[in-house]
Each structure stands twice: as C-alpha cells, then as structure tokens.
Amino acid sequence: MSEPDMSSKSKSSSEAARRARYDNLVCTLYKDVYRYGFWLCKSPHLAEDLVQETFLRAWRSLDSLQNYNAAKSWLFTILRRENARLYERYRPELVDVDDYAIPESDEDEPDTRMERRWLLDAVHRLEKDYRDPLLLQIIGGFSGKEIASILELNDNTVMTRLFRARCKVIAQYTSNTGKAPTDLLN
C-alpha cells in the first residue's frame, strides 16, 4: 500500500471516530441542552434554533473538548453565549410563559398543581442574577463550581446567589401558600 493510501485511510478513521464521539455527545446531552435553552428563551422554536446552533459550534470545535465529563458544562456555556448573541442582533417577540406548562400527569392533585404553579412563578420572578444559577443547578444538575465556570463568576458569588435565590423563592412560595415548600428546591 502506498504512503498516500495509508494517510487517507488514517484520516477517514480519525474522522469516523470524531463523528462517533459527536453523535454520542448529541444523543447523551441533547435533552438537557434543549431544556436549558427553553428555560432561557421560553420559546420551543427559538430553543430548537439555539440548540442546533450550539451543536453546530460544538462540532466545529469538538477537538477542543479534552474532558468528556465536562461536555455538559461546555455545551451549556456555548448555549448561553449563543443566546446572548441572539439578543445582540435583535429583540425577539416576547412569548407569555404562562402559555407553556410543564407536562403533568392526570394523577396530580389540584393542590399539587397549584403549588407547582406558585413555585414556577416564584422562580420566574427572580432577578436574572439569581434565576440563572438556580436553573443551572436545578435543571442542569451542576455543582456550584461548575456554575461558577459557566457563568464566569467566583465560586463564593455563585453559592451566595444560590442561597439568596432559594430564600426568595421560599419566601414568595410561602406568601402564596402559607407554608414552606418541602423538598421542592433540594
């Protein structure tokens, strides 16, 4: 076999490995990235566009991902930046988040649904500085250190904001229900 043939074989196997790595990344993390994108923009169509652009950018710079365990954090960072770029370009039409609900089973009691609604409303009313770290922790499952990296903040700042966000949500929830939430923010 000639030297150019060996080089092209090596290149194609390298490309196949890269493609397999990317496909695994998409299959594993697509739902989490979409969920976070939806929470950021409150529009399913816009979230799909953001996620698509996120994975396109991830494909282009896949070789820069050294640690696969950091892929989720890496993708969330790309998504946040894509969302910021979107708002730099134009102002999207605002969508009422009340039109979109978390799917509920028919087994839920009316009281439970109302309490969930109050809790979601309390989270939506938080200032962005408090809402973002809380959503990254609740939806993304990130640690304080990972959130600090994603938001480019100090670890202590993130932990303080998480604590204050929880306190504000609990206070708003308690004012609506007259009781403190149990295990809703843990």
N, C-alpha and C. Protein backbone atom coordinates (compact mmCIF):
# COMPACT_ATOMS: atom_id res chain seq x y z
N MET A 1 0.85 -1.18 0.00
CA MET A 1 0.00 0.00 0.00
C MET A 1 0.89 1.23 0.00
N SER A 2 0.59 2.18 -0.83
CA SER A 2 1.41 3.39 -0.93
C SER A 2 1.17 4.32 0.25
N GLU A 3 2.09 5.21 0.44
CA GLU A 3 2.01 6.15 1.56
C GLU A 3 0.77 7.04 1.51
N PRO A 4 0.35 7.60 0.35
CA PRO A 4 -0.86 8.41 0.31
C PRO A 4 -2.12 7.61 0.66
N ASP A 5 -2.17 6.31 0.28
CA ASP A 5 -3.33 5.49 0.62
C ASP A 5 -3.44 5.29 2.12
N MET A 6 -2.30 5.09 2.80
CA MET A 6 -2.31 4.90 4.25
C MET A 6 -2.73 6.19 4.95
N SER A 7 -2.30 7.31 4.43
CA SER A 7 -2.65 8.60 5.01
C SER A 7 -4.16 8.87 4.91
N SER A 8 -4.75 8.56 3.76
CA SER A 8 -6.18 8.79 3.60
C SER A 8 -7.00 7.83 4.45
N LYS A 9 -6.50 6.58 4.62
CA LYS A 9 -7.20 5.62 5.49
C LYS A 9 -7.17 6.10 6.94
N SER A 10 -6.03 6.58 7.37
CA SER A 10 -5.88 7.09 8.73
C SER A 10 -6.78 8.30 8.95
N LYS A 11 -6.86 9.16 7.95
CA LYS A 11 -7.70 10.36 8.04
C LYS A 11 -9.17 9.99 8.13
N SER A 12 -9.62 9.02 7.35
CA SER A 12 -11.03 8.63 7.37
C SER A 12 -11.39 7.93 8.67
N SER A 13 -10.49 7.14 9.24
CA SER A 13 -10.79 6.50 10.52
C SER A 13 -10.81 7.53 11.64
N SER A 14 -9.95 8.54 11.53
CA SER A 14 -9.95 9.63 12.51
C SER A 14 -11.26 10.42 12.43
N GLU A 15 -11.73 10.67 11.21
CA GLU A 15 -12.99 11.39 11.01
C GLU A 15 -14.17 10.57 11.53
N ALA A 16 -14.11 9.26 11.33
CA ALA A 16 -15.19 8.38 11.82
C ALA A 16 -15.22 8.37 13.34
N ALA A 17 -14.07 8.37 13.96
CA ALA A 17 -14.00 8.41 15.43
C ALA A 17 -14.54 9.74 15.95
N ARG A 18 -14.20 10.82 15.26
CA ARG A 18 -14.69 12.15 15.65
C ARG A 18 -16.21 12.20 15.52
N ARG A 19 -16.73 11.65 14.43
CA ARG A 19 -18.17 11.62 14.18
C ARG A 19 -18.89 10.80 15.26
N ALA A 20 -18.31 9.65 15.62
CA ALA A 20 -18.91 8.80 16.66
C ALA A 20 -18.91 9.53 18.01
N ARG A 21 -17.84 10.23 18.30
CA ARG A 21 -17.75 11.00 19.56
C ARG A 21 -18.82 12.09 19.59
N TYR A 22 -19.00 12.77 18.48
CA TYR A 22 -20.01 13.83 18.38
C TYR A 22 -21.42 13.24 18.50
N ASP A 23 -21.70 12.16 17.78
CA ASP A 23 -23.02 11.53 17.85
C ASP A 23 -23.35 11.11 19.27
N ASN A 24 -22.37 10.57 19.97
CA ASN A 24 -22.58 10.18 21.36
C ASN A 24 -22.89 11.39 22.23
N LEU A 25 -22.19 12.48 21.98
CA LEU A 25 -22.42 13.73 22.72
C LEU A 25 -23.85 14.23 22.50
N VAL A 26 -24.31 14.24 21.26
CA VAL A 26 -25.65 14.70 20.94
C VAL A 26 -26.70 13.79 21.58
N CYS A 27 -26.54 12.48 21.41
CA CYS A 27 -27.51 11.53 21.95
C CYS A 27 -27.62 11.63 23.47
N THR A 28 -26.50 11.83 24.11
CA THR A 28 -26.45 11.86 25.57
C THR A 28 -27.00 13.16 26.15
N LEU A 29 -26.68 14.29 25.53
CA LEU A 29 -26.95 15.58 26.17
C LEU A 29 -27.99 16.45 25.49
N TYR A 30 -28.57 16.01 24.38
CA TYR A 30 -29.50 16.86 23.64
C TYR A 30 -30.66 17.33 24.53
N LYS A 31 -31.29 16.43 25.27
CA LYS A 31 -32.47 16.81 26.07
C LYS A 31 -32.12 17.85 27.13
N ASP A 32 -30.98 17.66 27.79
CA ASP A 32 -30.56 18.62 28.82
C ASP A 32 -30.28 19.99 28.22
N VAL A 33 -29.61 20.00 27.09
CA VAL A 33 -29.28 21.27 26.43
C VAL A 33 -30.56 21.96 25.95
N TYR A 34 -31.49 21.19 25.39
CA TYR A 34 -32.77 21.77 24.94
C TYR A 34 -33.55 22.33 26.14
N ARG A 35 -33.61 21.58 27.22
CA ARG A 35 -34.36 22.02 28.41
C ARG A 35 -33.80 23.34 28.92
N TYR A 36 -32.48 23.46 28.98
CA TYR A 36 -31.87 24.71 29.43
C TYR A 36 -32.14 25.83 28.43
N GLY A 37 -32.05 25.52 27.16
CA GLY A 37 -32.34 26.52 26.13
C GLY A 37 -33.77 27.02 26.22
N PHE A 38 -34.71 26.11 26.48
CA PHE A 38 -36.11 26.51 26.61
C PHE A 38 -36.29 27.42 27.83
N TRP A 39 -35.64 27.10 28.93
CA TRP A 39 -35.74 27.94 30.12
C TRP A 39 -35.17 29.33 29.87
N LEU A 40 -34.15 29.40 29.04
CA LEU A 40 -33.55 30.71 28.75
C LEU A 40 -34.46 31.57 27.88
N CYS A 41 -35.04 30.99 26.84
CA CYS A 41 -35.76 31.82 25.87
C CYS A 41 -37.28 31.67 25.91
N LYS A 42 -37.80 30.67 26.58
CA LYS A 42 -39.26 30.47 26.76
C LYS A 42 -40.01 30.21 25.46
N SER A 43 -39.31 29.82 24.41
CA SER A 43 -39.93 29.55 23.13
C SER A 43 -39.39 28.23 22.59
N PRO A 44 -40.26 27.27 22.31
CA PRO A 44 -39.76 25.98 21.81
C PRO A 44 -39.02 26.11 20.48
N HIS A 45 -39.51 26.96 19.59
CA HIS A 45 -38.87 27.10 18.29
C HIS A 45 -37.51 27.78 18.42
N LEU A 46 -37.46 28.82 19.22
CA LEU A 46 -36.20 29.51 19.43
C LEU A 46 -35.20 28.60 20.16
N ALA A 47 -35.70 27.82 21.11
CA ALA A 47 -34.83 26.88 21.83
C ALA A 47 -34.24 25.86 20.87
N GLU A 48 -35.05 25.37 19.94
CA GLU A 48 -34.54 24.42 18.94
C GLU A 48 -33.44 25.06 18.10
N ASP A 49 -33.65 26.32 17.68
CA ASP A 49 -32.63 27.02 16.91
C ASP A 49 -31.34 27.20 17.70
N LEU A 50 -31.49 27.59 18.98
CA LEU A 50 -30.32 27.76 19.83
C LEU A 50 -29.56 26.45 20.01
N VAL A 51 -30.29 25.38 20.23
CA VAL A 51 -29.66 24.08 20.44
C VAL A 51 -28.96 23.63 19.16
N GLN A 52 -29.60 23.85 18.02
CA GLN A 52 -28.99 23.48 16.75
C GLN A 52 -27.68 24.25 16.54
N GLU A 53 -27.71 25.54 16.80
CA GLU A 53 -26.51 26.36 16.65
C GLU A 53 -25.45 25.95 17.67
N THR A 54 -25.88 25.58 18.87
CA THR A 54 -24.96 25.12 19.91
C THR A 54 -24.22 23.87 19.45
N PHE A 55 -24.97 22.91 18.93
CA PHE A 55 -24.32 21.67 18.49
C PHE A 55 -23.49 21.88 17.23
N LEU A 56 -23.86 22.82 16.39
CA LEU A 56 -23.04 23.14 15.23
C LEU A 56 -21.70 23.71 15.68
N ARG A 57 -21.73 24.63 16.62
CA ARG A 57 -20.48 25.19 17.15
C ARG A 57 -19.68 24.11 17.89
N ALA A 58 -20.39 23.21 18.56
CA ALA A 58 -19.69 22.12 19.25
C ALA A 58 -18.98 21.22 18.24
N TRP A 59 -19.61 20.94 17.12
CA TRP A 59 -18.98 20.13 16.07
C TRP A 59 -17.71 20.80 15.56
N ARG A 60 -17.81 22.10 15.33
CA ARG A 60 -16.66 22.82 14.79
C ARG A 60 -15.47 22.82 15.74
N SER A 61 -15.75 22.84 17.02
CA SER A 61 -14.64 22.91 18.00
C SER A 61 -14.58 21.68 18.88
N LEU A 62 -15.04 20.55 18.37
CA LEU A 62 -15.07 19.31 19.16
C LEU A 62 -13.67 18.91 19.62
N ASP A 63 -12.68 19.18 18.83
CA ASP A 63 -11.31 18.80 19.20
C ASP A 63 -10.81 19.56 20.43
N SER A 64 -11.43 20.68 20.75
CA SER A 64 -11.01 21.44 21.93
C SER A 64 -11.59 20.86 23.22
N LEU A 65 -12.54 19.95 23.11
CA LEU A 65 -13.12 19.30 24.30
C LEU A 65 -12.19 18.18 24.73
N GLN A 66 -11.43 18.43 25.77
CA GLN A 66 -10.44 17.46 26.24
C GLN A 66 -11.04 16.45 27.20
N ASN A 67 -11.98 16.88 28.03
CA ASN A 67 -12.55 16.02 29.06
C ASN A 67 -14.04 15.82 28.77
N TYR A 68 -14.41 14.61 28.42
CA TYR A 68 -15.80 14.33 28.08
C TYR A 68 -16.73 14.58 29.26
N ASN A 69 -16.24 14.46 30.49
CA ASN A 69 -17.06 14.72 31.68
C ASN A 69 -17.47 16.19 31.78
N ALA A 70 -16.75 17.05 31.10
CA ALA A 70 -17.06 18.48 31.12
C ALA A 70 -17.93 18.89 29.94
N ALA A 71 -18.41 17.93 29.15
CA ALA A 71 -19.15 18.24 27.92
C ALA A 71 -20.44 19.00 28.20
N LYS A 72 -21.17 18.60 29.23
CA LYS A 72 -22.44 19.26 29.53
C LYS A 72 -22.22 20.73 29.88
N SER A 73 -21.27 20.97 30.71
CA SER A 73 -20.94 22.35 31.09
C SER A 73 -20.48 23.14 29.87
N TRP A 74 -19.68 22.52 29.04
CA TRP A 74 -19.17 23.14 27.81
C TRP A 74 -20.32 23.52 26.89
N LEU A 75 -21.27 22.60 26.70
CA LEU A 75 -22.41 22.86 25.82
C LEU A 75 -23.32 23.95 26.41
N PHE A 76 -23.53 23.95 27.72
CA PHE A 76 -24.36 24.98 28.35
C PHE A 76 -23.72 26.35 28.16
N THR A 77 -22.40 26.41 28.25
CA THR A 77 -21.70 27.68 28.05
C THR A 77 -21.88 28.16 26.61
N ILE A 78 -21.74 27.25 25.66
CA ILE A 78 -21.95 27.61 24.26
C ILE A 78 -23.38 28.11 24.06
N LEU A 79 -24.35 27.42 24.65
CA LEU A 79 -25.76 27.81 24.52
C LEU A 79 -26.00 29.20 25.10
N ARG A 80 -25.46 29.46 26.28
CA ARG A 80 -25.62 30.80 26.88
C ARG A 80 -25.05 31.88 25.98
N ARG A 81 -23.90 31.61 25.39
CA ARG A 81 -23.28 32.60 24.52
C ARG A 81 -24.07 32.78 23.24
N GLU A 82 -24.61 31.69 22.71
CA GLU A 82 -25.46 31.79 21.51
C GLU A 82 -26.71 32.62 21.82
N ASN A 83 -27.29 32.39 22.97
CA ASN A 83 -28.46 33.16 23.38
C ASN A 83 -28.11 34.64 23.50
N ALA A 84 -26.96 34.94 24.07
CA ALA A 84 -26.52 36.33 24.19
C ALA A 84 -26.30 36.95 22.80
N ARG A 85 -25.71 36.19 21.89
CA ARG A 85 -25.50 36.70 20.53
C ARG A 85 -26.84 37.01 19.86
N LEU A 86 -27.80 36.17 20.10
CA LEU A 86 -29.13 36.36 19.53
C LEU A 86 -29.71 37.70 19.98
N TYR A 87 -29.57 38.01 21.26
CA TYR A 87 -30.13 39.26 21.77
C TYR A 87 -29.31 40.46 21.37
N GLU A 88 -28.05 40.25 21.00
CA GLU A 88 -27.26 41.36 20.47
C GLU A 88 -27.76 41.76 19.10
N ARG A 89 -28.25 40.79 18.33
CA ARG A 89 -28.69 41.03 16.95
C ARG A 89 -30.09 41.63 16.86
N TYR A 90 -31.01 41.09 17.64
CA TYR A 90 -32.38 41.58 17.54
C TYR A 90 -33.15 41.26 18.82
N ARG A 91 -34.29 41.88 18.94
CA ARG A 91 -35.19 41.61 20.06
C ARG A 91 -36.29 40.68 19.59
N PRO A 92 -36.35 39.47 20.11
CA PRO A 92 -37.39 38.54 19.66
C PRO A 92 -38.76 38.94 20.21
N GLU A 93 -39.77 38.43 19.58
CA GLU A 93 -41.12 38.64 20.06
C GLU A 93 -41.27 37.94 21.40
N LEU A 94 -41.80 38.64 22.38
CA LEU A 94 -41.96 38.06 23.70
C LEU A 94 -43.14 37.09 23.71
N VAL A 95 -42.94 35.98 24.38
CA VAL A 95 -43.95 34.95 24.49
C VAL A 95 -44.33 34.83 25.95
N ASP A 96 -45.61 34.73 26.21
CA ASP A 96 -46.08 34.59 27.58
C ASP A 96 -45.76 33.18 28.06
N VAL A 97 -44.94 33.08 29.13
CA VAL A 97 -44.55 31.77 29.62
C VAL A 97 -45.72 31.00 30.22
N ASP A 98 -46.80 31.70 30.53
CA ASP A 98 -47.97 31.01 31.06
C ASP A 98 -48.61 30.11 30.02
N ASP A 99 -48.29 30.36 28.74
CA ASP A 99 -48.83 29.52 27.67
C ASP A 99 -48.13 28.17 27.60
N TYR A 100 -46.99 28.05 28.25
CA TYR A 100 -46.22 26.81 28.24
C TYR A 100 -46.17 26.25 29.64
N ALA A 101 -46.58 25.04 29.77
CA ALA A 101 -46.61 24.42 31.09
C ALA A 101 -45.78 23.15 31.07
N ILE A 102 -45.31 22.80 32.22
CA ILE A 102 -44.61 21.53 32.37
C ILE A 102 -45.68 20.44 32.27
N PRO A 103 -45.43 19.42 31.45
CA PRO A 103 -46.43 18.35 31.33
C PRO A 103 -46.71 17.72 32.68
N GLU A 104 -47.96 17.58 32.97
CA GLU A 104 -48.37 16.99 34.24
C GLU A 104 -49.18 15.74 33.97
N SER A 105 -49.08 14.81 34.87
CA SER A 105 -49.87 13.59 34.72
C SER A 105 -51.26 13.84 35.29
N ASP A 106 -52.21 13.03 34.86
CA ASP A 106 -53.58 13.17 35.35
C ASP A 106 -53.71 12.79 36.81
N GLU A 107 -52.67 12.15 37.34
CA GLU A 107 -52.72 11.69 38.73
C GLU A 107 -52.46 12.83 39.71
N ASP A 108 -51.93 13.94 39.22
CA ASP A 108 -51.64 15.06 40.12
C ASP A 108 -52.93 15.64 40.70
N GLU A 109 -52.87 15.91 41.96
CA GLU A 109 -53.99 16.54 42.63
C GLU A 109 -54.01 18.02 42.30
N PRO A 110 -55.18 18.66 42.33
CA PRO A 110 -55.24 20.10 42.05
C PRO A 110 -54.36 20.93 42.97
N ASP A 111 -54.28 20.55 44.25
CA ASP A 111 -53.44 21.30 45.18
C ASP A 111 -51.97 21.22 44.77
N THR A 112 -51.54 20.06 44.33
CA THR A 112 -50.16 19.88 43.92
C THR A 112 -49.86 20.70 42.68
N ARG A 113 -50.79 20.72 41.74
CA ARG A 113 -50.59 21.52 40.53
C ARG A 113 -50.50 23.00 40.85
N MET A 114 -51.35 23.47 41.76
CA MET A 114 -51.34 24.88 42.15
C MET A 114 -50.02 25.23 42.85
N GLU A 115 -49.58 24.35 43.73
CA GLU A 115 -48.31 24.60 44.42
C GLU A 115 -47.15 24.63 43.44
N ARG A 116 -47.15 23.74 42.45
CA ARG A 116 -46.11 23.72 41.42
C ARG A 116 -46.15 25.02 40.62
N ARG A 117 -47.35 25.49 40.30
CA ARG A 117 -47.51 26.74 39.56
C ARG A 117 -46.93 27.92 40.36
N TRP A 118 -47.24 27.96 41.66
CA TRP A 118 -46.71 29.03 42.51
C TRP A 118 -45.18 28.96 42.56
N LEU A 119 -44.65 27.76 42.64
CA LEU A 119 -43.21 27.60 42.69
C LEU A 119 -42.57 28.07 41.39
N LEU A 120 -43.13 27.68 40.24
CA LEU A 120 -42.59 28.13 38.95
C LEU A 120 -42.69 29.64 38.80
N ASP A 121 -43.80 30.20 39.23
CA ASP A 121 -43.96 31.66 39.18
C ASP A 121 -42.90 32.35 40.03
N ALA A 122 -42.64 31.79 41.21
CA ALA A 122 -41.62 32.37 42.10
C ALA A 122 -40.24 32.32 41.44
N VAL A 123 -39.93 31.23 40.77
CA VAL A 123 -38.63 31.12 40.08
C VAL A 123 -38.57 32.11 38.93
N HIS A 124 -39.65 32.24 38.16
CA HIS A 124 -39.67 33.17 37.02
C HIS A 124 -39.54 34.63 37.47
N ARG A 125 -40.01 34.95 38.66
CA ARG A 125 -39.95 36.33 39.15
C ARG A 125 -38.57 36.72 39.68
N LEU A 126 -37.68 35.77 39.86
CA LEU A 126 -36.34 36.09 40.35
C LEU A 126 -35.59 36.97 39.35
N GLU A 127 -34.72 37.81 39.88
CA GLU A 127 -33.85 38.58 39.01
C GLU A 127 -32.92 37.61 38.29
N LYS A 128 -32.47 38.00 37.11
CA LYS A 128 -31.62 37.15 36.28
C LYS A 128 -30.38 36.65 37.03
N ASP A 129 -29.77 37.51 37.85
CA ASP A 129 -28.57 37.12 38.59
C ASP A 129 -28.83 35.97 39.55
N TYR A 130 -30.06 35.83 40.02
CA TYR A 130 -30.40 34.74 40.93
C TYR A 130 -31.03 33.56 40.19
N ARG A 131 -31.80 33.86 39.16
CA ARG A 131 -32.50 32.80 38.42
C ARG A 131 -31.54 31.89 37.66
N ASP A 132 -30.55 32.48 36.99
CA ASP A 132 -29.63 31.68 36.17
C ASP A 132 -28.89 30.61 36.98
N PRO A 133 -28.24 30.96 38.09
CA PRO A 133 -27.55 29.90 38.84
C PRO A 133 -28.52 28.84 39.39
N LEU A 134 -29.70 29.28 39.82
CA LEU A 134 -30.67 28.33 40.37
C LEU A 134 -31.14 27.35 39.29
N LEU A 135 -31.42 27.85 38.09
CA LEU A 135 -31.85 26.97 37.00
C LEU A 135 -30.72 26.03 36.57
N LEU A 136 -29.50 26.53 36.55
CA LEU A 136 -28.37 25.66 36.20
C LEU A 136 -28.22 24.53 37.22
N GLN A 137 -28.51 24.85 38.47
CA GLN A 137 -28.40 23.81 39.49
C GLN A 137 -29.58 22.85 39.43
N ILE A 138 -30.79 23.37 39.32
CA ILE A 138 -31.98 22.52 39.34
C ILE A 138 -32.14 21.75 38.03
N ILE A 139 -32.07 22.45 36.91
CA ILE A 139 -32.30 21.81 35.62
C ILE A 139 -31.06 21.08 35.13
N GLY A 140 -29.92 21.76 35.22
CA GLY A 140 -28.70 21.19 34.69
C GLY A 140 -28.01 20.22 35.62
N GLY A 141 -28.30 20.31 36.91
CA GLY A 141 -27.66 19.43 37.88
C GLY A 141 -26.19 19.77 38.13
N PHE A 142 -25.82 21.02 37.88
CA PHE A 142 -24.43 21.41 38.04
C PHE A 142 -24.10 21.74 39.48
N SER A 143 -22.84 21.54 39.84
CA SER A 143 -22.35 21.93 41.16
C SER A 143 -22.09 23.44 41.15
N GLY A 144 -21.85 23.99 42.34
CA GLY A 144 -21.56 25.41 42.45
C GLY A 144 -20.32 25.79 41.66
N LYS A 145 -19.30 24.94 41.69
CA LYS A 145 -18.06 25.22 40.96
C LYS A 145 -18.30 25.21 39.46
N GLU A 146 -19.10 24.26 38.98
CA GLU A 146 -19.41 24.20 37.54
C GLU A 146 -20.23 25.42 37.11
N ILE A 147 -21.18 25.83 37.95
CA ILE A 147 -21.99 27.01 37.64
C ILE A 147 -21.10 28.24 37.58
N ALA A 148 -20.16 28.34 38.50
CA ALA A 148 -19.23 29.48 38.50
C ALA A 148 -18.45 29.52 37.19
N SER A 149 -18.05 28.37 36.72
CA SER A 149 -17.31 28.30 35.46
C SER A 149 -18.19 28.71 34.28
N ILE A 150 -19.43 28.22 34.25
CA ILE A 150 -20.35 28.52 33.15
C ILE A 150 -20.68 30.02 33.12
N LEU A 151 -20.98 30.58 34.29
CA LEU A 151 -21.38 31.98 34.37
C LEU A 151 -20.18 32.93 34.49
N GLU A 152 -18.99 32.35 34.57
CA GLU A 152 -17.76 33.13 34.70
C GLU A 152 -17.81 34.03 35.93
N LEU A 153 -18.14 33.40 37.06
CA LEU A 153 -18.22 34.10 38.35
C LEU A 153 -17.34 33.39 39.36
N ASN A 154 -17.14 34.03 40.49
CA ASN A 154 -16.42 33.45 41.61
C ASN A 154 -17.30 32.38 42.26
N ASP A 155 -16.69 31.31 42.79
CA ASP A 155 -17.44 30.23 43.44
C ASP A 155 -18.31 30.77 44.59
N ASN A 156 -17.72 31.64 45.40
CA ASN A 156 -18.47 32.18 46.55
C ASN A 156 -19.65 33.03 46.10
N THR A 157 -19.49 33.76 45.01
CA THR A 157 -20.60 34.56 44.47
C THR A 157 -21.74 33.66 44.06
N VAL A 158 -21.42 32.57 43.39
CA VAL A 158 -22.45 31.63 42.96
C VAL A 158 -23.18 31.03 44.15
N MET A 159 -22.43 30.61 45.16
CA MET A 159 -23.06 29.99 46.32
C MET A 159 -23.96 31.00 47.06
N THR A 160 -23.52 32.24 47.13
CA THR A 160 -24.34 33.28 47.76
C THR A 160 -25.62 33.51 46.96
N ARG A 161 -25.50 33.57 45.64
CA ARG A 161 -26.67 33.78 44.80
C ARG A 161 -27.64 32.60 44.88
N LEU A 162 -27.11 31.40 44.93
CA LEU A 162 -27.97 30.22 45.07
C LEU A 162 -28.74 30.27 46.40
N PHE A 163 -28.03 30.62 47.45
CA PHE A 163 -28.68 30.71 48.76
C PHE A 163 -29.78 31.78 48.75
N ARG A 164 -29.45 32.94 48.22
CA ARG A 164 -30.43 34.04 48.18
C ARG A 164 -31.60 33.71 47.25
N ALA A 165 -31.32 33.05 46.14
CA ALA A 165 -32.40 32.66 45.22
C ALA A 165 -33.36 31.70 45.91
N ARG A 166 -32.82 30.72 46.61
CA ARG A 166 -33.68 29.78 47.33
C ARG A 166 -34.52 30.50 48.38
N CYS A 167 -33.88 31.42 49.10
CA CYS A 167 -34.60 32.17 50.13
C CYS A 167 -35.74 32.99 49.52
N LYS A 168 -35.47 33.63 48.38
CA LYS A 168 -36.50 34.44 47.73
C LYS A 168 -37.65 33.57 47.22
N VAL A 169 -37.31 32.43 46.62
CA VAL A 169 -38.36 31.53 46.12
C VAL A 169 -39.19 31.00 47.27
N ILE A 170 -38.54 30.60 48.34
CA ILE A 170 -39.26 30.08 49.51
C ILE A 170 -40.16 31.16 50.10
N ALA A 171 -39.66 32.40 50.18
CA ALA A 171 -40.46 33.49 50.72
C ALA A 171 -41.69 33.76 49.86
N GLN A 172 -41.51 33.79 48.53
CA GLN A 172 -42.65 34.02 47.64
C GLN A 172 -43.64 32.86 47.70
N TYR A 173 -43.11 31.66 47.72
CA TYR A 173 -43.96 30.47 47.78
C TYR A 173 -44.76 30.46 49.09
N THR A 174 -44.07 30.76 50.18
CA THR A 174 -44.72 30.76 51.50
C THR A 174 -45.80 31.83 51.58
N SER A 175 -45.57 32.98 50.94
CA SER A 175 -46.59 34.03 50.98
C SER A 175 -47.85 33.60 50.22
N ASN A 176 -47.70 32.76 49.19
CA ASN A 176 -48.86 32.27 48.45
C ASN A 176 -49.57 31.12 49.14
N THR A 177 -48.79 30.22 49.73
CA THR A 177 -49.38 29.00 50.27
C THR A 177 -49.58 29.03 51.78
N GLY A 178 -48.83 29.88 52.46
CA GLY A 178 -48.90 29.91 53.91
C GLY A 178 -48.06 28.82 54.56
N LYS A 179 -47.34 28.06 53.74
CA LYS A 179 -46.46 27.02 54.29
C LYS A 179 -45.18 26.97 53.46
N ALA A 180 -44.13 26.48 54.09
CA ALA A 180 -42.84 26.38 53.40
C ALA A 180 -42.84 25.16 52.49
N PRO A 181 -42.16 25.25 51.34
CA PRO A 181 -42.09 24.10 50.44
C PRO A 181 -41.28 22.98 51.05
N THR A 182 -41.67 21.75 50.77
CA THR A 182 -40.93 20.61 51.28
C THR A 182 -40.24 19.91 50.12
N ASP A 183 -38.95 19.89 50.15
CA ASP A 183 -38.12 19.19 49.14
C ASP A 183 -38.34 19.67 47.72
N LEU A 184 -38.88 20.84 47.51
CA LEU A 184 -39.10 21.30 46.16
C LEU A 184 -37.85 21.91 45.55
N LEU A 185 -36.96 22.43 46.36
CA LEU A 185 -35.76 23.07 45.83
C LEU A 185 -34.49 22.33 46.22
N ASN A 186 -34.59 21.13 46.65
CA ASN A 186 -33.40 20.37 47.04
C ASN A 186 -32.88 19.56 45.91
